[in-house]
Every structure is written in structure tokens, then in C-alpha cells.
């Protein structure tokens, strides 16, 4: 969607896709500091009226772009992001097992992250 704007609301841990003020979808994520700075996406949601329009893929692509610009890794726990990354290895560098384990441990320690 050409008129879609993606906004990173870091304090809320949400990457949102909007068009004309309407929320089209979002990725819920948190920032992991240790063992390395990483964005950890946990949920991808597209509003039902906007499914099938490439919004989820655009959100994931932007999440990886933000991470690259900031020198962060992405440690995906969201199943959609995991599948997208597997299909786009040139845009989605794989996270180390250590980083994925740390992301899972962070969620176990604080289920509010999930």
C-alpha cells in the first residue's frame, strides 16, 4: 500500500502500519540488551479488513531495516517473523542461538513481554 506509513513507537514496543490515521497492523516487540542489543518481535497482527495486502511483510521488512540502521540484531519469537525471515535471508540475518535463548528467557522471566 503506497499510502501506508510505518511508525516505530519504541516506548510501547510497537511498530505500527497506518494509512489515513487508521491502524492497519502492528508488530509487538521488546528490546533485549544482553547478550547483544536486539529487537525481539513477539506478535504480528494485521486488522482483518487489511489482510492479504502485504502489510505484515512490510512491517517485518521495516523491523529488520530499523535493526540494521541501529546496529541491532533481530531475535524473532513471532512465528510470522520467523517464517518471513526464512524466506528472505538476504534481508533478515539469522540470530544466534544464544540470542534466541536469551529472548525466550526474557519472556519466561516477564510474561508481560509476550
Protein backbone atom coordinates (compact mmCIF):
# COMPACT_ATOMS: atom_id res chain seq x y z
CA UNK A 1 0.00 0.00 0.00
CA UNK A 2 1.64 3.19 -1.20
CA UNK A 3 -0.05 5.44 1.36
CA UNK A 4 0.92 3.25 4.32
CA UNK A 5 3.17 4.84 6.94
CA UNK A 6 5.12 2.67 9.37
CA UNK A 7 5.81 4.22 12.77
CA UNK A 8 8.11 2.84 15.47
CA UNK A 9 6.61 3.53 18.90
CA UNK A 10 9.64 2.27 20.83
CA UNK A 11 8.31 3.19 24.31
CA UNK A 12 5.27 0.97 23.69
CA UNK A 13 7.23 -1.68 21.80
CA UNK A 14 5.03 -1.39 18.73
CA UNK A 15 5.82 -0.99 15.08
CA UNK A 16 2.57 0.23 13.52
CA UNK A 17 1.35 0.45 9.94
CA UNK A 18 -1.20 3.22 9.42
CA UNK A 19 -2.99 4.79 6.48
CA UNK A 20 -5.03 7.95 6.82
CA UNK A 21 -4.89 7.59 10.61
CA UNK A 22 -6.26 4.04 10.57
CA UNK A 23 -4.27 1.26 12.22
CA UNK A 24 -3.71 -1.46 9.61
CA UNK A 25 -1.48 -3.73 11.64
CA UNK A 26 1.40 -3.87 14.07
CA UNK A 27 4.31 -5.87 15.40
CA UNK A 28 4.62 -6.08 19.17
CA UNK A 29 8.27 -6.30 20.23
CA UNK A 30 10.68 -5.62 23.04
CA UNK A 31 14.32 -4.59 23.19
CA UNK A 32 16.84 -7.08 24.55
CA UNK A 33 20.11 -5.65 25.85
CA UNK A 34 22.08 -8.78 26.72
CA UNK A 35 23.92 -10.72 25.32
CA UNK A 36 23.64 -8.17 22.48
CA UNK A 37 21.22 -5.40 21.54
CA UNK A 38 18.27 -6.94 19.73
CA UNK A 39 14.69 -6.28 18.74
CA UNK A 40 12.51 -9.24 19.73
CA UNK A 41 9.21 -9.40 17.82
CA UNK A 42 6.62 -11.48 19.65
CA UNK A 43 3.37 -10.85 17.73
CA UNK A 44 2.38 -9.64 14.27
CA UNK A 45 -1.22 -8.56 13.84
CA UNK A 46 -2.99 -7.28 10.74
CA UNK A 47 -6.52 -5.99 11.08
CA UNK A 48 -8.94 -8.36 9.31
CA UNK A 49 -10.07 -5.75 6.76
CA UNK A 50 -6.45 -5.34 5.64
CA UNK A 51 -5.25 -8.94 5.48
CA UNK A 52 -3.65 -10.12 2.24
CA UNK A 53 -2.33 -6.67 1.28
CA UNK A 54 1.33 -7.21 2.22
CA UNK A 55 1.12 -5.21 5.43
CA UNK A 56 2.68 -7.86 7.66
CA UNK A 57 5.60 -8.29 5.28
CA UNK A 58 6.11 -4.52 5.11
CA UNK A 59 6.17 -4.36 8.91
CA UNK A 60 8.74 -7.14 9.17
CA UNK A 61 10.90 -5.63 6.42
CA UNK A 62 10.88 -2.30 8.29
CA UNK A 63 11.67 -4.01 11.61
CA UNK A 64 14.80 -5.54 10.08
CA UNK A 65 15.69 -2.21 8.45
CA UNK A 66 15.40 -0.39 11.78
CA UNK A 67 17.55 -3.02 13.46
CA UNK A 68 20.19 -2.72 10.74
CA UNK A 69 20.26 1.09 10.98
CA UNK A 70 20.66 0.94 14.76
CA UNK A 71 23.19 -1.90 14.84
CA UNK A 72 20.75 -4.29 16.50
CA UNK A 73 20.07 -7.93 15.74
CA UNK A 74 16.54 -9.31 15.43
CA UNK A 75 15.69 -12.32 17.58
CA UNK A 76 12.27 -13.37 16.28
CA UNK A 77 9.88 -15.24 18.54
CA UNK A 78 6.81 -14.38 16.46
CA UNK A 79 6.04 -17.31 14.14
CA UNK A 80 5.19 -15.00 11.23
CA UNK A 81 8.50 -13.15 11.53
CA UNK A 82 10.37 -16.48 11.75
CA UNK A 83 8.71 -17.67 8.50
CA UNK A 84 9.29 -14.33 6.75
CA UNK A 85 12.96 -14.31 7.75
CA UNK A 86 13.43 -17.85 6.42
CA UNK A 87 12.05 -16.72 3.04
CA UNK A 88 14.16 -13.52 2.95
CA UNK A 89 17.62 -14.44 4.29
CA UNK A 90 19.21 -11.59 2.34
CA UNK A 91 17.13 -9.08 4.33
CA UNK A 92 16.89 -10.96 7.61
CA UNK A 93 20.20 -12.05 9.11
CA UNK A 94 19.81 -15.10 11.33
CA UNK A 95 20.03 -14.55 15.06
CA UNK A 96 22.46 -16.62 17.08
CA UNK A 97 21.09 -19.41 19.23
CA UNK A 98 22.46 -17.57 22.28
CA UNK A 99 20.39 -14.51 21.39
CA UNK A 100 17.23 -16.55 20.75
CA UNK A 101 17.70 -18.36 24.07
CA UNK A 102 18.13 -15.02 25.86
CA UNK A 103 14.96 -13.67 24.21
CA UNK A 104 12.98 -16.75 25.31
CA UNK A 105 14.40 -16.44 28.84
CA UNK A 106 13.35 -12.76 28.95
CA UNK A 107 9.78 -13.75 28.07
CA UNK A 108 9.78 -16.53 30.66
CA UNK A 109 11.02 -14.06 33.30
CA UNK A 110 8.41 -11.45 32.30
CA UNK A 111 5.33 -12.94 30.58
CA UNK A 112 4.03 -9.40 30.03
CA UNK A 113 6.53 -9.23 27.16
CA UNK A 114 4.53 -11.91 25.35
